[in-house]
């Protein structure tokens, strides 16, 4: 009998054997035929698949439990602070960090942490007070001078309303900066926002989208100082404002006090002589549940408290914006310089 005939004969015997008996016995017979072995030899294959599935589930579960998601808004200083938080956690704990940067403005970042899509993000106390808690700057205790009072109020309300807590302030106050060109400040001998009111009817203003809507933004500013402009303000991305001012597309903007391009582009910050703006200390906002599960994060972030001065934040911003350096490298060098 040739090989093909022997194979056909074997298959016929198998079908005949499988066809006899109950449904269960036929199924067992089919299993033996398919695997070419007894149940004892087929079981290891099933166990192997089960082990692979369990390992995948276990590894995914462990990853989710030990992964911290750091977010931030979509401008340079926020990217720097987000990277600072991420690297500090990576350096000081055994936790993996996922970066979800460029989240847009304050409201998107806040909703992201409330929904649990991120665990930590950098915020400013004045922004939290006005944009999130909806309190007018005049409602805070001495908004123009008492940083600690604003910090404590925001922290208390965040814990009560949102189950969020604030880490220690990084050390700098990034208040809004009402900026004009240095040439105009020198030519007109301007020092304060109040003094500029005599000239704003001939000026064009430029503001960010969020500034136009915030309680501590455009409407309150013009009402407090009696500002009037030659045309409705131009609304543009924050990253475009300083260049637009330098290029005479606008004559006055609301930027950030720690913007590294202020000295580089010879811009001048008018003094907020009526103390319209509250303090804007930069702080990490953290989910309480995240801290309960990973208390080591608290110690890592506490070490960043008070480590960045206004001048140092301006230098960090300029390194990224002005010198076009990589954010991760800039942050790594800064942490090393602080012994962190």
Foldseek 3Di string as FASTA:
>chain_A
DDPVVVVVVVVVVLVVLLPDDDPVSSVLSVVCVVVVHHPVVVVVVVVVVVVVVVVVVVVVVVLVLQEAEEEFAADLLQVLVSLLLQVLCVVQHVGHYHYHYHQHDDVSVVVCCLVVVHFKGKFWLLCLVWVVVVDACVVFDPQLPDPPSSQVVSQVCCCVPRQKGWAAFLAEWWWKFKKFALVVCVVVVAAAPLVCQVPQQAWEEEEEPVLVPISLHDVLVCVVNVHDHVDPHHYDHQVCRVVCRLVRVGGIYTHILLALCCVVSRMDTHHHVVSSGGTTGMIMMGRNVSCVSPVSSNVSRNVSHNLAYSPNSSVLNCCCSVVVDDSNVSSVVSCVVVVD
